[in-house]
């Protein structure tokens, strides 16, 4: 009888954990201004062309201009001028805190704070974090976001994307 009770308790806990995991996974799929800001910032500092997916129409790549390609070309030129390969400039974003300052349902302002560290590749970033190797730099930026076709997009002048 005792083993039956243990089995029932274990099974109940396992089922509760599974249900909780499903609920959390569904909740994570919801698009929010904070999630959009963090996804854009991570792609921006990792020098990923995928950052363009989170840009609003007014600054997104078009037939006339591609600000993402221009930014990545500037970064590549900067790396080569310093004698490094372009991937040397990749930075990971850590300890990220994104807070919505204003949100009217169609536009939002999000304050993004965190730290960035040269990462080069994911393993280097992980080891650097564990052992406190390498310099960290504070990140603090207020991003303007707009809702386009049900998805939050970054607008305005995010970080240094449009400079240069």
N, C-alpha and C. Protein backbone atom coordinates (compact mmCIF):
# COMPACT_ATOMS: atom_id res chain seq x y z
N UNK A 1 0.82 -1.20 0.00
CA UNK A 1 0.00 0.00 0.00
C UNK A 1 0.86 1.26 0.00
N UNK A 2 1.95 1.22 0.75
CA UNK A 2 2.84 2.36 0.84
C UNK A 2 3.46 2.70 -0.51
N UNK A 3 3.85 1.69 -1.28
CA UNK A 3 4.45 1.95 -2.60
C UNK A 3 3.41 2.52 -3.57
N UNK A 4 2.15 2.14 -3.41
CA UNK A 4 1.09 2.68 -4.25
C UNK A 4 0.88 4.16 -4.00
N UNK A 5 0.96 4.57 -2.75
CA UNK A 5 0.82 5.98 -2.39
C UNK A 5 1.99 6.79 -2.93
N UNK A 6 3.19 6.25 -2.82
CA UNK A 6 4.37 6.93 -3.34
C UNK A 6 4.27 7.09 -4.86
N UNK A 7 3.83 6.04 -5.52
CA UNK A 7 3.69 6.09 -6.98
C UNK A 7 2.67 7.15 -7.38
N UNK A 8 1.55 7.20 -6.67
CA UNK A 8 0.50 8.18 -6.96
C UNK A 8 1.02 9.60 -6.71
N UNK A 9 1.75 9.81 -5.63
CA UNK A 9 2.32 11.13 -5.33
C UNK A 9 3.32 11.53 -6.41
N UNK A 10 4.21 10.63 -6.76
CA UNK A 10 5.21 10.90 -7.79
C UNK A 10 4.54 11.22 -9.12
N UNK A 11 3.54 10.44 -9.50
CA UNK A 11 2.83 10.65 -10.76
C UNK A 11 2.11 12.00 -10.74
N UNK A 12 1.49 12.34 -9.62
CA UNK A 12 0.78 13.62 -9.50
C UNK A 12 1.74 14.79 -9.66
N UNK A 13 2.90 14.71 -9.01
CA UNK A 13 3.89 15.78 -9.11
C UNK A 13 4.41 15.89 -10.53
N UNK A 14 4.66 14.77 -11.16
CA UNK A 14 5.14 14.76 -12.54
C UNK A 14 4.11 15.38 -13.49
N UNK A 15 2.85 15.05 -13.32
CA UNK A 15 1.79 15.61 -14.16
C UNK A 15 1.64 17.12 -13.93
N UNK A 16 1.73 17.55 -12.67
CA UNK A 16 1.65 18.97 -12.36
C UNK A 16 2.81 19.73 -13.00
N UNK A 17 4.00 19.17 -12.93
CA UNK A 17 5.17 19.81 -13.55
C UNK A 17 5.00 19.89 -15.06
N UNK A 18 4.47 18.87 -15.67
CA UNK A 18 4.26 18.86 -17.12
C UNK A 18 3.23 19.93 -17.52
N UNK A 19 2.15 20.03 -16.77
CA UNK A 19 1.12 21.03 -17.05
C UNK A 19 1.69 22.44 -16.88
N UNK A 20 2.47 22.65 -15.82
CA UNK A 20 3.09 23.95 -15.59
C UNK A 20 4.04 24.31 -16.74
N UNK A 21 4.79 23.33 -17.21
CA UNK A 21 5.72 23.58 -18.32
C UNK A 21 4.96 23.99 -19.58
N UNK A 22 3.85 23.35 -19.87
CA UNK A 22 3.05 23.69 -21.04
C UNK A 22 2.48 25.10 -20.90
N UNK A 23 1.98 25.44 -19.73
CA UNK A 23 1.43 26.77 -19.49
C UNK A 23 2.50 27.84 -19.68
N UNK A 24 3.69 27.61 -19.14
CA UNK A 24 4.78 28.58 -19.28
C UNK A 24 5.25 28.69 -20.73
N UNK A 25 5.26 27.60 -21.45
CA UNK A 25 5.67 27.64 -22.87
C UNK A 25 4.66 28.44 -23.69
N UNK A 26 3.39 28.28 -23.42
CA UNK A 26 2.35 29.03 -24.13
C UNK A 26 2.45 30.52 -23.78
N UNK A 27 2.69 30.82 -22.51
CA UNK A 27 2.81 32.23 -22.09
C UNK A 27 4.02 32.89 -22.73
N UNK A 28 5.08 32.15 -22.95
CA UNK A 28 6.30 32.70 -23.55
C UNK A 28 6.11 33.03 -25.02
N UNK A 29 5.14 32.48 -25.68
CA UNK A 29 4.89 32.73 -27.10
C UNK A 29 4.25 34.09 -27.35
N UNK A 30 3.70 34.70 -26.31
CA UNK A 30 3.04 35.99 -26.44
C UNK A 30 4.07 37.07 -26.75
N UNK A 31 3.80 37.89 -27.74
CA UNK A 31 4.72 38.95 -28.12
C UNK A 31 4.46 40.18 -27.25
N UNK A 32 5.51 40.68 -26.63
CA UNK A 32 5.41 41.87 -25.79
C UNK A 32 6.48 42.86 -26.21
N UNK A 33 6.32 44.13 -25.84
CA UNK A 33 7.36 45.11 -26.18
C UNK A 33 8.72 44.74 -25.58
N UNK A 34 8.71 44.22 -24.34
CA UNK A 34 9.96 43.84 -23.70
C UNK A 34 10.65 42.71 -24.45
N UNK A 35 9.88 41.72 -24.85
CA UNK A 35 10.44 40.57 -25.58
C UNK A 35 11.04 41.04 -26.91
N UNK A 36 10.34 41.92 -27.62
CA UNK A 36 10.83 42.43 -28.90
C UNK A 36 12.12 43.22 -28.70
N UNK A 37 12.16 44.05 -27.66
CA UNK A 37 13.35 44.86 -27.39
C UNK A 37 14.56 43.98 -27.08
N UNK A 38 14.35 42.97 -26.27
CA UNK A 38 15.45 42.07 -25.89
C UNK A 38 15.92 41.26 -27.11
N UNK A 39 14.98 40.73 -27.89
CA UNK A 39 15.37 39.96 -29.08
C UNK A 39 16.16 40.83 -30.06
N UNK A 40 15.72 42.08 -30.26
CA UNK A 40 16.45 42.97 -31.15
C UNK A 40 17.84 43.25 -30.60
N UNK A 41 17.94 43.58 -29.31
CA UNK A 41 19.23 43.92 -28.71
C UNK A 41 20.20 42.75 -28.78
N UNK A 42 19.71 41.55 -28.50
CA UNK A 42 20.59 40.37 -28.57
C UNK A 42 21.12 40.17 -29.99
N UNK A 43 20.26 40.30 -30.98
CA UNK A 43 20.69 40.15 -32.38
C UNK A 43 21.62 41.30 -32.78
N UNK A 44 21.35 42.50 -32.30
CA UNK A 44 22.18 43.66 -32.62
C UNK A 44 23.61 43.46 -32.13
N UNK A 45 23.77 43.10 -30.86
CA UNK A 45 25.11 42.94 -30.30
C UNK A 45 25.80 41.67 -30.81
N UNK A 46 25.03 40.69 -31.23
CA UNK A 46 25.62 39.46 -31.78
C UNK A 46 25.91 39.63 -33.27
N UNK A 47 25.59 40.80 -33.81
CA UNK A 47 25.81 41.15 -35.22
C UNK A 47 25.10 40.17 -36.15
N UNK A 48 23.86 39.88 -35.82
CA UNK A 48 23.04 38.96 -36.60
C UNK A 48 22.14 39.74 -37.57
N UNK A 49 22.12 39.37 -38.84
CA UNK A 49 21.21 40.03 -39.78
C UNK A 49 19.74 39.86 -39.39
N UNK A 50 19.44 38.88 -38.54
CA UNK A 50 18.07 38.63 -38.11
C UNK A 50 17.48 39.80 -37.32
N UNK A 51 18.32 40.76 -36.92
CA UNK A 51 17.79 41.93 -36.21
C UNK A 51 16.78 42.68 -37.08
N UNK A 52 16.90 42.54 -38.39
CA UNK A 52 16.00 43.22 -39.32
C UNK A 52 14.55 42.78 -39.14
N UNK A 53 14.34 41.56 -38.64
CA UNK A 53 12.99 41.04 -38.43
C UNK A 53 12.24 41.82 -37.35
N UNK A 54 12.98 42.49 -36.46
CA UNK A 54 12.36 43.25 -35.38
C UNK A 54 12.37 44.75 -35.63
N UNK A 55 12.68 45.17 -36.85
CA UNK A 55 12.67 46.60 -37.18
C UNK A 55 11.34 46.99 -37.81
N UNK A 56 10.84 48.17 -37.48
CA UNK A 56 9.58 48.63 -38.06
C UNK A 56 9.78 49.05 -39.52
N UNK A 57 8.70 49.23 -40.22
CA UNK A 57 8.73 49.51 -41.67
C UNK A 57 9.58 50.74 -42.02
N UNK A 58 9.53 51.76 -41.17
CA UNK A 58 10.23 53.01 -41.51
C UNK A 58 11.75 52.86 -41.52
N UNK A 59 12.31 51.87 -40.84
CA UNK A 59 13.76 51.68 -40.88
C UNK A 59 14.17 50.28 -41.33
N UNK A 60 13.21 49.44 -41.66
CA UNK A 60 13.52 48.08 -42.11
C UNK A 60 14.21 48.11 -43.47
N UNK A 61 14.98 47.08 -43.78
CA UNK A 61 15.62 47.02 -45.09
C UNK A 61 14.60 47.12 -46.22
N UNK A 62 14.96 47.88 -47.24
CA UNK A 62 14.08 48.03 -48.40
C UNK A 62 14.93 47.97 -49.67
N UNK A 63 14.29 48.17 -50.80
CA UNK A 63 15.02 48.17 -52.07
C UNK A 63 15.98 49.36 -52.15
N UNK A 64 15.62 50.47 -51.49
CA UNK A 64 16.46 51.67 -51.54
C UNK A 64 17.63 51.61 -50.56
N UNK A 65 17.36 51.16 -49.35
CA UNK A 65 18.40 51.18 -48.32
C UNK A 65 18.26 49.98 -47.39
N UNK A 66 19.39 49.50 -46.92
CA UNK A 66 19.41 48.39 -45.97
C UNK A 66 20.29 48.79 -44.79
N UNK A 67 19.67 49.38 -43.75
CA UNK A 67 20.47 49.85 -42.62
C UNK A 67 21.19 48.73 -41.89
N UNK A 68 20.62 47.54 -41.88
CA UNK A 68 21.27 46.42 -41.21
C UNK A 68 22.54 46.02 -41.95
N UNK A 69 22.45 45.89 -43.28
CA UNK A 69 23.63 45.54 -44.07
C UNK A 69 24.70 46.63 -43.96
N UNK A 70 24.28 47.89 -43.94
CA UNK A 70 25.24 48.99 -43.80
C UNK A 70 25.92 48.94 -42.43
N UNK A 71 25.16 48.67 -41.38
CA UNK A 71 25.72 48.56 -40.03
C UNK A 71 26.71 47.40 -39.96
N UNK A 72 26.33 46.25 -40.49
CA UNK A 72 27.22 45.09 -40.46
C UNK A 72 28.49 45.33 -41.28
N UNK A 73 28.36 46.05 -42.39
CA UNK A 73 29.54 46.40 -43.21
C UNK A 73 30.45 47.34 -42.44
N UNK A 74 29.87 48.30 -41.70
CA UNK A 74 30.69 49.21 -40.88
C UNK A 74 31.44 48.43 -39.81
N UNK A 75 30.76 47.48 -39.18
CA UNK A 75 31.39 46.68 -38.14
C UNK A 75 32.50 45.81 -38.72
N UNK A 76 32.26 45.25 -39.90
CA UNK A 76 33.30 44.43 -40.55
C UNK A 76 34.51 45.29 -40.87
N UNK A 77 34.27 46.48 -41.39
CA UNK A 77 35.36 47.40 -41.73
C UNK A 77 36.12 47.80 -40.46
N UNK A 78 35.39 48.05 -39.39
CA UNK A 78 36.01 48.42 -38.11
C UNK A 78 36.90 47.28 -37.59
N UNK A 79 36.41 46.05 -37.68
CA UNK A 79 37.19 44.90 -37.23
C UNK A 79 38.45 44.73 -38.07
N UNK A 80 38.30 44.79 -39.37
CA UNK A 80 39.45 44.61 -40.27
C UNK A 80 40.48 45.73 -40.09
N UNK A 81 40.02 46.96 -39.83
CA UNK A 81 40.94 48.07 -39.60
C UNK A 81 41.76 47.84 -38.32
N UNK A 82 41.18 47.10 -37.39
CA UNK A 82 41.90 46.79 -36.14
C UNK A 82 42.71 45.50 -36.27
N UNK A 83 42.60 44.83 -37.42
CA UNK A 83 43.36 43.60 -37.64
C UNK A 83 42.66 42.34 -37.16
N UNK A 84 41.35 42.39 -37.01
CA UNK A 84 40.60 41.25 -36.52
C UNK A 84 39.58 40.78 -37.55
N UNK A 85 39.11 39.58 -37.37
CA UNK A 85 38.01 39.07 -38.18
C UNK A 85 36.71 39.70 -37.65
N UNK A 86 35.70 39.81 -38.49
CA UNK A 86 34.44 40.47 -38.07
C UNK A 86 33.79 39.83 -36.84
N UNK A 87 33.90 38.51 -36.70
CA UNK A 87 33.24 37.86 -35.56
C UNK A 87 33.85 38.28 -34.22
N UNK A 88 35.03 38.90 -34.24
CA UNK A 88 35.68 39.36 -33.02
C UNK A 88 34.84 40.44 -32.32
N UNK A 89 34.05 41.17 -33.06
CA UNK A 89 33.26 42.26 -32.48
C UNK A 89 31.92 41.79 -31.89
N UNK A 90 31.61 40.51 -32.03
CA UNK A 90 30.35 40.00 -31.46
C UNK A 90 30.37 40.14 -29.95
N UNK A 91 29.21 40.54 -29.41
CA UNK A 91 29.09 40.70 -27.97
C UNK A 91 27.82 40.05 -27.49
N UNK A 92 27.91 39.40 -26.34
CA UNK A 92 26.74 38.80 -25.72
C UNK A 92 26.10 39.80 -24.77
N UNK A 93 24.82 39.69 -24.60
CA UNK A 93 24.07 40.57 -23.71
C UNK A 93 23.66 39.76 -22.49
N UNK A 94 24.01 40.24 -21.31
CA UNK A 94 23.77 39.51 -20.06
C UNK A 94 23.06 40.39 -19.04
N UNK A 95 22.43 39.76 -18.07
CA UNK A 95 21.76 40.46 -16.98
C UNK A 95 20.80 41.52 -17.54
N UNK A 96 20.01 41.14 -18.50
CA UNK A 96 19.12 42.08 -19.19
C UNK A 96 17.88 42.34 -18.35
N UNK A 97 17.54 43.61 -18.25
CA UNK A 97 16.31 44.04 -17.58
C UNK A 97 15.59 44.97 -18.54
N UNK A 98 14.42 44.58 -18.99
CA UNK A 98 13.63 45.40 -19.90
C UNK A 98 12.34 45.79 -19.18
N UNK A 99 12.10 47.09 -19.14
CA UNK A 99 10.89 47.60 -18.47
C UNK A 99 10.15 48.54 -19.39
N UNK A 100 8.86 48.35 -19.47
CA UNK A 100 8.03 49.23 -20.28
C UNK A 100 7.78 50.53 -19.52
N UNK A 101 8.15 51.64 -20.16
CA UNK A 101 7.93 52.96 -19.56
C UNK A 101 6.56 53.49 -19.94
N UNK A 102 6.18 53.26 -21.19
CA UNK A 102 4.88 53.69 -21.70
C UNK A 102 4.37 52.63 -22.67
N UNK A 103 3.07 52.40 -22.66
CA UNK A 103 2.48 51.46 -23.61
C UNK A 103 1.01 51.83 -23.80
N UNK A 104 0.67 52.26 -25.03
CA UNK A 104 -0.72 52.59 -25.31
C UNK A 104 -1.39 51.53 -26.18
N UNK A 105 -0.74 50.41 -26.35
CA UNK A 105 -1.30 49.32 -27.15
C UNK A 105 -0.77 49.30 -28.57
N UNK A 106 -0.41 50.45 -29.10
CA UNK A 106 0.13 50.54 -30.46
C UNK A 106 1.58 50.99 -30.48
N UNK A 107 1.98 51.78 -29.50
CA UNK A 107 3.37 52.20 -29.37
C UNK A 107 3.80 51.99 -27.93
N UNK A 108 5.10 51.80 -27.75
CA UNK A 108 5.63 51.60 -26.41
C UNK A 108 7.06 52.12 -26.35
N UNK A 109 7.45 52.51 -25.15
CA UNK A 109 8.85 52.86 -24.89
C UNK A 109 9.36 51.88 -23.85
N UNK A 110 10.48 51.24 -24.17
CA UNK A 110 11.04 50.23 -23.28
C UNK A 110 12.45 50.64 -22.89
N UNK A 111 12.72 50.64 -21.59
CA UNK A 111 14.06 50.90 -21.08
C UNK A 111 14.76 49.55 -20.96
N UNK A 112 15.87 49.43 -21.66
CA UNK A 112 16.63 48.18 -21.69
C UNK A 112 17.95 48.43 -20.97
N UNK A 113 18.21 47.65 -19.95
CA UNK A 113 19.47 47.73 -19.21
C UNK A 113 20.10 46.35 -19.16
N UNK A 114 21.42 46.34 -19.17
CA UNK A 114 22.13 45.07 -19.07
C UNK A 114 23.62 45.29 -19.19
N UNK A 115 24.32 44.21 -19.45
CA UNK A 115 25.76 44.26 -19.66
C UNK A 115 26.08 43.52 -20.93
N UNK A 116 27.09 44.01 -21.63
CA UNK A 116 27.55 43.32 -22.82
C UNK A 116 29.01 42.97 -22.64
N UNK A 117 29.40 41.86 -23.22
CA UNK A 117 30.77 41.38 -23.12
C UNK A 117 31.15 40.74 -24.45
N UNK A 118 32.40 40.97 -24.87
CA UNK A 118 32.90 40.35 -26.09
C UNK A 118 32.70 38.84 -25.97
N UNK A 119 32.14 38.24 -26.99
CA UNK A 119 31.77 36.84 -26.89
C UNK A 119 32.42 35.98 -27.96
N UNK A 120 32.64 36.47 -29.13
CA UNK A 120 33.23 35.78 -30.26
C UNK A 120 32.44 34.53 -30.64
N UNK A 121 32.26 33.62 -29.69
CA UNK A 121 31.39 32.45 -29.91
C UNK A 121 30.70 32.13 -28.58
N UNK A 122 29.64 31.34 -28.60
CA UNK A 122 28.88 31.10 -27.37
C UNK A 122 29.69 30.46 -26.24
N UNK A 123 30.63 29.59 -26.57
CA UNK A 123 31.43 28.93 -25.54
C UNK A 123 32.33 29.96 -24.84
N UNK A 124 32.95 30.84 -25.62
CA UNK A 124 33.81 31.87 -25.04
C UNK A 124 33.00 32.73 -24.07
N UNK A 125 31.81 33.12 -24.48
CA UNK A 125 30.97 33.95 -23.62
C UNK A 125 30.60 33.26 -22.33
N UNK A 126 30.30 31.99 -22.41
CA UNK A 126 29.93 31.22 -21.22
C UNK A 126 31.11 31.10 -20.26
N UNK A 127 32.28 30.76 -20.79
CA UNK A 127 33.48 30.63 -19.96
C UNK A 127 33.86 31.98 -19.36
N UNK A 128 33.78 33.04 -20.16
CA UNK A 128 34.10 34.38 -19.67
C UNK A 128 33.17 34.78 -18.53
N UNK A 129 31.92 34.42 -18.64
CA UNK A 129 30.96 34.74 -17.58
C UNK A 129 31.28 33.96 -16.31
N UNK A 130 31.57 32.67 -16.44
CA UNK A 130 31.85 31.83 -15.27
C UNK A 130 33.07 32.32 -14.51
N UNK A 131 34.12 32.69 -15.24
CA UNK A 131 35.39 33.04 -14.61
C UNK A 131 35.64 34.55 -14.53
N UNK A 132 34.67 35.34 -14.94
CA UNK A 132 34.80 36.78 -14.87
C UNK A 132 35.92 37.33 -15.74
N UNK A 133 36.13 36.71 -16.89
CA UNK A 133 37.19 37.13 -17.81
C UNK A 133 36.62 38.15 -18.79
N UNK A 134 37.40 39.14 -19.12
CA UNK A 134 36.98 40.13 -20.11
C UNK A 134 36.21 41.28 -19.49
N UNK A 135 36.22 42.37 -20.21
CA UNK A 135 35.54 43.57 -19.77
C UNK A 135 34.04 43.47 -20.04
N UNK A 136 33.28 44.04 -19.14
CA UNK A 136 31.84 44.18 -19.39
C UNK A 136 31.55 45.67 -19.56
N UNK A 137 30.57 45.95 -20.36
CA UNK A 137 30.16 47.33 -20.62
C UNK A 137 28.67 47.45 -20.35
N UNK A 138 28.31 48.51 -19.68
CA UNK A 138 26.90 48.73 -19.36
C UNK A 138 26.13 49.09 -20.62
N UNK A 139 24.91 48.60 -20.68
CA UNK A 139 23.99 48.93 -21.77
C UNK A 139 22.76 49.56 -21.14
N UNK A 140 22.42 50.72 -21.62
CA UNK A 140 21.18 51.37 -21.18
C UNK A 140 20.64 52.16 -22.35
N UNK A 141 19.49 51.77 -22.83
CA UNK A 141 18.91 52.39 -24.01
C UNK A 141 17.39 52.38 -23.88
N UNK A 142 16.77 53.47 -24.25
CA UNK A 142 15.31 53.51 -24.31
C UNK A 142 14.93 53.32 -25.77
N UNK A 143 14.18 52.26 -26.02
CA UNK A 143 13.78 51.92 -27.38
C UNK A 143 12.31 52.26 -27.61
N UNK A 144 12.02 52.79 -28.78
CA UNK A 144 10.65 53.07 -29.20
C UNK A 144 10.18 51.88 -30.02
N UNK A 145 9.02 51.34 -29.69
CA UNK A 145 8.47 50.21 -30.41
C UNK A 145 7.07 50.53 -30.91
N UNK A 146 6.73 49.97 -32.06
CA UNK A 146 5.38 50.11 -32.62
C UNK A 146 4.86 48.72 -32.94
N UNK A 147 3.55 48.58 -32.83
CA UNK A 147 2.92 47.32 -33.16
C UNK A 147 2.52 47.36 -34.63
N UNK A 148 3.09 46.45 -35.41
CA UNK A 148 2.78 46.35 -36.84
C UNK A 148 2.32 44.93 -37.14
N UNK A 149 1.13 44.81 -37.66
CA UNK A 149 0.55 43.51 -38.01
C UNK A 149 0.59 42.55 -36.82
N UNK A 150 0.31 43.08 -35.62
CA UNK A 150 0.25 42.23 -34.43
C UNK A 150 1.59 41.89 -33.81
N UNK A 151 2.68 42.45 -34.32
CA UNK A 151 4.02 42.15 -33.81
C UNK A 151 4.71 43.45 -33.42
N UNK A 152 5.37 43.43 -32.28
CA UNK A 152 6.10 44.62 -31.83
C UNK A 152 7.39 44.74 -32.60
N UNK A 153 7.66 45.96 -33.11
CA UNK A 153 8.85 46.25 -33.90
C UNK A 153 9.58 47.46 -33.32
N UNK A 154 10.89 47.44 -33.41
CA UNK A 154 11.73 48.53 -32.90
C UNK A 154 11.79 49.65 -33.94
N UNK A 155 11.57 50.88 -33.50
CA UNK A 155 11.60 52.05 -34.39
C UNK A 155 12.55 53.08 -33.81
N UNK A 156 12.55 54.24 -34.41
CA UNK A 156 13.40 55.32 -33.91
C UNK A 156 14.85 55.14 -34.35
N UNK A 157 15.77 55.37 -33.43
CA UNK A 157 17.20 55.26 -33.70
C UNK A 157 17.81 54.29 -32.67
N UNK A 158 17.58 52.99 -32.84
CA UNK A 158 18.07 52.03 -31.85
C UNK A 158 19.60 51.90 -31.85
N UNK A 159 20.19 52.06 -30.68
CA UNK A 159 21.64 51.94 -30.49
C UNK A 159 22.36 52.79 -31.55
N UNK A 160 23.28 52.23 -32.28
CA UNK A 160 24.02 52.97 -33.31
C UNK A 160 23.73 52.40 -34.70
N UNK A 161 22.60 51.78 -34.86
CA UNK A 161 22.27 51.12 -36.11
C UNK A 161 22.27 52.07 -37.29
N UNK A 162 21.73 53.27 -37.12
CA UNK A 162 21.58 54.19 -38.24
C UNK A 162 22.69 55.22 -38.33
N UNK A 163 23.66 55.15 -37.44
CA UNK A 163 24.75 56.12 -37.45
C UNK A 163 25.87 55.68 -38.38
N UNK A 164 26.71 56.61 -38.74
CA UNK A 164 27.89 56.25 -39.54
C UNK A 164 27.68 56.55 -40.93
